[in-house]
N, C-alpha and C. Protein backbone atom coordinates (compact mmCIF):
# COMPACT_ATOMS: atom_id res chain seq x y z
N MET A 1 -55.31 10.51 23.10
CA MET A 1 -54.60 9.41 23.64
C MET A 1 -53.25 9.36 22.98
N LYS A 2 -52.17 9.18 23.78
CA LYS A 2 -50.85 9.11 23.19
C LYS A 2 -50.57 7.79 22.55
N LYS A 3 -49.96 7.86 21.42
CA LYS A 3 -49.68 6.65 20.61
C LYS A 3 -48.43 5.97 21.24
N LYS A 4 -48.45 4.63 21.36
CA LYS A 4 -47.32 3.90 21.93
C LYS A 4 -46.15 3.86 21.04
N SER A 5 -44.91 4.02 21.63
CA SER A 5 -43.72 3.95 20.84
C SER A 5 -43.45 2.48 20.51
N ILE A 6 -42.56 2.27 19.62
CA ILE A 6 -42.11 0.90 19.29
C ILE A 6 -41.50 0.25 20.54
N TYR A 7 -40.76 1.01 21.35
CA TYR A 7 -40.13 0.54 22.57
C TYR A 7 -41.26 -0.02 23.47
N ASP A 8 -42.34 0.87 23.70
CA ASP A 8 -43.36 0.48 24.58
C ASP A 8 -44.09 -0.78 24.10
N LYS A 9 -44.30 -0.89 22.85
CA LYS A 9 -44.97 -2.07 22.22
C LYS A 9 -44.07 -3.31 22.47
N LYS A 10 -42.83 -3.25 22.20
CA LYS A 10 -41.87 -4.33 22.39
C LYS A 10 -41.83 -4.72 23.85
N MET A 11 -41.70 -3.74 24.80
CA MET A 11 -41.60 -4.05 26.22
C MET A 11 -42.83 -4.67 26.79
N ALA A 12 -44.02 -4.58 26.08
CA ALA A 12 -45.21 -5.22 26.60
C ALA A 12 -45.13 -6.72 26.44
N ASN A 13 -44.18 -7.19 25.59
CA ASN A 13 -44.00 -8.59 25.40
C ASN A 13 -43.09 -9.13 26.48
N PRO A 14 -43.56 -10.03 27.42
CA PRO A 14 -42.68 -10.46 28.53
C PRO A 14 -41.35 -11.15 28.08
N ARG A 15 -41.35 -11.92 26.97
CA ARG A 15 -40.16 -12.58 26.50
C ARG A 15 -39.14 -11.56 26.02
N PHE A 16 -39.61 -10.56 25.26
CA PHE A 16 -38.77 -9.51 24.74
C PHE A 16 -38.15 -8.74 25.87
N LYS A 17 -39.01 -8.35 26.87
CA LYS A 17 -38.59 -7.60 28.02
C LYS A 17 -37.50 -8.31 28.79
N ALA A 18 -37.66 -9.57 28.98
CA ALA A 18 -36.65 -10.42 29.78
C ALA A 18 -35.28 -10.43 29.02
N ILE A 19 -35.32 -10.57 27.69
CA ILE A 19 -34.11 -10.61 26.89
C ILE A 19 -33.44 -9.23 26.93
N TYR A 20 -34.25 -8.24 26.74
CA TYR A 20 -33.76 -6.85 26.74
C TYR A 20 -33.07 -6.51 28.02
N ASN A 21 -33.71 -6.82 29.12
CA ASN A 21 -33.15 -6.60 30.47
C ASN A 21 -31.84 -7.28 30.68
N GLU A 22 -31.74 -8.55 30.20
CA GLU A 22 -30.55 -9.32 30.33
C GLU A 22 -29.36 -8.70 29.59
N VAL A 23 -29.69 -8.30 28.37
CA VAL A 23 -28.64 -7.67 27.51
C VAL A 23 -28.23 -6.36 28.09
N ALA A 24 -29.21 -5.56 28.63
CA ALA A 24 -28.91 -4.23 29.23
C ALA A 24 -27.96 -4.41 30.39
N VAL A 25 -28.13 -5.44 31.21
CA VAL A 25 -27.22 -5.69 32.32
C VAL A 25 -25.83 -5.97 31.85
N ASN A 26 -25.65 -6.84 30.90
CA ASN A 26 -24.33 -7.13 30.34
C ASN A 26 -23.69 -5.92 29.80
N LEU A 27 -24.40 -5.13 29.08
CA LEU A 27 -23.85 -3.90 28.49
C LEU A 27 -23.44 -2.94 29.64
N ALA A 28 -24.23 -2.82 30.64
CA ALA A 28 -23.92 -1.94 31.71
C ALA A 28 -22.61 -2.30 32.43
N ILE A 29 -22.46 -3.64 32.68
CA ILE A 29 -21.23 -4.12 33.35
C ILE A 29 -20.01 -3.86 32.46
N GLY A 30 -20.09 -4.21 31.25
CA GLY A 30 -18.95 -3.96 30.35
C GLY A 30 -18.59 -2.50 30.21
N GLU A 31 -19.63 -1.63 30.11
CA GLU A 31 -19.39 -0.21 29.93
C GLU A 31 -18.75 0.31 31.26
N ARG A 32 -19.21 -0.15 32.42
CA ARG A 32 -18.66 0.38 33.66
C ARG A 32 -17.19 0.02 33.78
N ILE A 33 -16.86 -1.23 33.45
CA ILE A 33 -15.44 -1.62 33.52
C ILE A 33 -14.55 -0.81 32.59
N ALA A 34 -15.01 -0.57 31.39
CA ALA A 34 -14.24 0.27 30.42
C ALA A 34 -14.15 1.66 30.92
N GLU A 35 -15.23 2.24 31.42
CA GLU A 35 -15.29 3.61 31.89
C GLU A 35 -14.27 3.82 33.08
N LEU A 36 -14.30 2.85 34.07
CA LEU A 36 -13.33 3.02 35.13
C LEU A 36 -11.85 2.88 34.60
N ARG A 37 -11.65 1.92 33.77
CA ARG A 37 -10.32 1.71 33.23
C ARG A 37 -9.85 2.97 32.48
N HIS A 38 -10.70 3.61 31.68
CA HIS A 38 -10.29 4.83 30.96
C HIS A 38 -10.04 5.93 31.92
N LYS A 39 -10.87 6.12 32.90
CA LYS A 39 -10.65 7.18 33.89
C LYS A 39 -9.32 7.09 34.62
N GLN A 40 -8.84 5.86 34.72
CA GLN A 40 -7.55 5.64 35.36
C GLN A 40 -6.40 5.58 34.41
N HIS A 41 -6.72 5.94 33.11
CA HIS A 41 -5.66 5.95 32.11
C HIS A 41 -4.95 4.56 32.01
N MET A 42 -5.67 3.50 32.02
CA MET A 42 -5.11 2.17 32.11
C MET A 42 -5.49 1.44 30.79
N THR A 43 -4.54 0.73 30.22
CA THR A 43 -4.84 -0.03 29.04
C THR A 43 -5.48 -1.38 29.44
N GLN A 44 -6.08 -2.05 28.53
CA GLN A 44 -6.64 -3.37 28.79
C GLN A 44 -5.46 -4.33 29.26
N GLU A 45 -4.32 -4.17 28.64
CA GLU A 45 -3.19 -5.00 29.03
C GLU A 45 -2.73 -4.70 30.48
N GLU A 46 -2.71 -3.49 30.87
CA GLU A 46 -2.34 -3.13 32.27
C GLU A 46 -3.36 -3.71 33.30
N LEU A 47 -4.59 -3.52 32.93
CA LEU A 47 -5.67 -4.13 33.83
C LEU A 47 -5.54 -5.66 33.91
N ALA A 48 -5.35 -6.24 32.74
CA ALA A 48 -5.18 -7.72 32.67
C ALA A 48 -4.14 -8.17 33.59
N LYS A 49 -2.99 -7.49 33.59
CA LYS A 49 -1.84 -7.91 34.45
C LYS A 49 -2.19 -7.86 35.91
N LYS A 50 -2.91 -6.80 36.28
CA LYS A 50 -3.32 -6.60 37.69
C LYS A 50 -4.33 -7.65 38.13
N VAL A 51 -5.20 -8.06 37.18
CA VAL A 51 -6.21 -9.05 37.46
C VAL A 51 -5.74 -10.51 37.29
N HIS A 52 -4.52 -10.64 36.72
CA HIS A 52 -3.93 -11.95 36.43
C HIS A 52 -4.82 -12.75 35.40
N THR A 53 -5.04 -12.00 34.30
CA THR A 53 -5.81 -12.64 33.20
C THR A 53 -5.23 -12.04 31.90
N SER A 54 -5.84 -12.35 30.82
CA SER A 54 -5.35 -11.86 29.52
C SER A 54 -6.03 -10.58 29.03
N ARG A 55 -5.39 -9.87 28.13
CA ARG A 55 -5.98 -8.70 27.54
C ARG A 55 -7.29 -9.04 26.84
N THR A 56 -7.25 -10.13 26.19
CA THR A 56 -8.49 -10.58 25.39
C THR A 56 -9.63 -10.85 26.40
N ALA A 57 -9.34 -11.33 27.58
CA ALA A 57 -10.45 -11.55 28.59
C ALA A 57 -11.01 -10.20 28.96
N ILE A 58 -10.17 -9.24 29.23
CA ILE A 58 -10.66 -7.87 29.58
C ILE A 58 -11.50 -7.32 28.43
N ALA A 59 -10.97 -7.52 27.21
CA ALA A 59 -11.80 -7.03 26.10
C ALA A 59 -13.15 -7.71 25.99
N ARG A 60 -13.22 -9.00 26.33
CA ARG A 60 -14.51 -9.69 26.40
C ARG A 60 -15.45 -9.13 27.44
N TYR A 61 -14.86 -8.88 28.64
CA TYR A 61 -15.64 -8.40 29.70
C TYR A 61 -16.19 -7.01 29.36
N GLU A 62 -15.46 -6.18 28.66
CA GLU A 62 -15.94 -4.86 28.30
C GLU A 62 -16.87 -4.83 27.10
N SER A 63 -16.97 -5.88 26.40
CA SER A 63 -17.65 -5.94 25.12
C SER A 63 -19.21 -5.75 25.24
N GLY A 64 -19.74 -6.22 26.31
CA GLY A 64 -21.16 -6.15 26.51
C GLY A 64 -21.85 -7.37 25.94
N ASN A 65 -21.07 -8.23 25.25
CA ASN A 65 -21.62 -9.47 24.69
C ASN A 65 -21.27 -10.67 25.62
N TYR A 66 -20.58 -10.39 26.66
CA TYR A 66 -20.15 -11.46 27.59
C TYR A 66 -21.25 -11.78 28.53
N GLU A 67 -21.49 -13.05 28.78
CA GLU A 67 -22.65 -13.41 29.66
C GLU A 67 -22.21 -14.24 30.87
N LYS A 68 -20.94 -14.53 31.03
CA LYS A 68 -20.52 -15.48 32.05
C LYS A 68 -19.67 -14.72 33.15
N TYR A 69 -20.00 -13.56 33.49
CA TYR A 69 -19.27 -12.88 34.52
C TYR A 69 -19.41 -13.67 35.82
N ASN A 70 -18.38 -13.69 36.61
CA ASN A 70 -18.55 -14.28 37.88
C ASN A 70 -18.11 -13.29 38.93
N VAL A 71 -18.62 -13.46 40.19
CA VAL A 71 -18.42 -12.44 41.17
C VAL A 71 -16.92 -12.36 41.53
N GLU A 72 -16.23 -13.44 41.65
CA GLU A 72 -14.80 -13.37 42.00
C GLU A 72 -14.00 -12.61 40.94
N THR A 73 -14.26 -12.79 39.70
CA THR A 73 -13.58 -12.03 38.65
C THR A 73 -13.92 -10.51 38.74
N LEU A 74 -15.15 -10.23 38.93
CA LEU A 74 -15.55 -8.80 39.04
C LEU A 74 -14.90 -8.19 40.28
N LYS A 75 -14.79 -8.95 41.37
CA LYS A 75 -14.14 -8.44 42.56
C LYS A 75 -12.67 -8.11 42.25
N ARG A 76 -11.99 -9.03 41.55
CA ARG A 76 -10.60 -8.79 41.18
C ARG A 76 -10.44 -7.58 40.32
N ILE A 77 -11.29 -7.38 39.34
CA ILE A 77 -11.31 -6.23 38.43
C ILE A 77 -11.55 -4.94 39.23
N ALA A 78 -12.49 -4.98 40.16
CA ALA A 78 -12.75 -3.81 41.01
C ALA A 78 -11.52 -3.46 41.88
N LYS A 79 -10.97 -4.49 42.49
CA LYS A 79 -9.83 -4.24 43.35
C LYS A 79 -8.63 -3.70 42.58
N ALA A 80 -8.43 -4.18 41.36
CA ALA A 80 -7.25 -3.77 40.52
C ALA A 80 -7.42 -2.27 40.22
N MET A 81 -8.65 -1.75 40.28
CA MET A 81 -8.88 -0.35 39.96
C MET A 81 -9.19 0.47 41.21
N GLY A 82 -8.93 -0.13 42.36
CA GLY A 82 -9.08 0.59 43.61
C GLY A 82 -10.50 0.81 43.99
N LYS A 83 -11.37 -0.07 43.51
CA LYS A 83 -12.89 0.03 43.78
C LYS A 83 -13.27 -1.19 44.51
N LYS A 84 -14.53 -1.20 44.99
CA LYS A 84 -15.15 -2.41 45.52
C LYS A 84 -16.39 -2.74 44.74
N LEU A 85 -16.63 -4.01 44.61
CA LEU A 85 -17.79 -4.50 43.89
C LEU A 85 -19.03 -4.33 44.76
N GLU A 86 -20.02 -3.74 44.23
CA GLU A 86 -21.34 -3.63 44.87
C GLU A 86 -22.44 -4.25 43.97
N ILE A 87 -23.19 -5.16 44.52
CA ILE A 87 -24.24 -5.78 43.77
C ILE A 87 -25.57 -5.43 44.44
N SER A 88 -26.54 -5.04 43.55
CA SER A 88 -27.83 -4.67 44.09
C SER A 88 -28.97 -5.34 43.31
N PHE A 89 -30.06 -5.47 43.92
CA PHE A 89 -31.25 -6.04 43.25
C PHE A 89 -32.34 -4.95 43.35
N SER A 90 -33.01 -4.85 42.17
CA SER A 90 -34.08 -3.84 42.13
C SER A 90 -35.35 -4.42 41.50
C-alpha cells in the first residue's frame, strides 16, 4: 500500500483544502497578469497607465497575496493587454 504524502494528508482536511484552494486561485490570477505583461514587454507602470491605476496597484494584483480582485478591474487589465477576461467554474 502506497504511503500518503504530506500533501495528501493535508488535503484530507476540509478546512486546509479550502484555504489552499483560495490561495491557489489568487496566485494563479497574479501569475497570469504578470506573465501576460512580461510577454508584451510592458512594465507595471505602463500597464497601470493603460488601466488608469497606480503601479503599486498592479504590483499588488501580481503579488498573489491580493484577495479583493473585482471583475471590472480584471476586465480593464485584460483589455489593456489586448485580451478578454474569461471566468470558469470547475
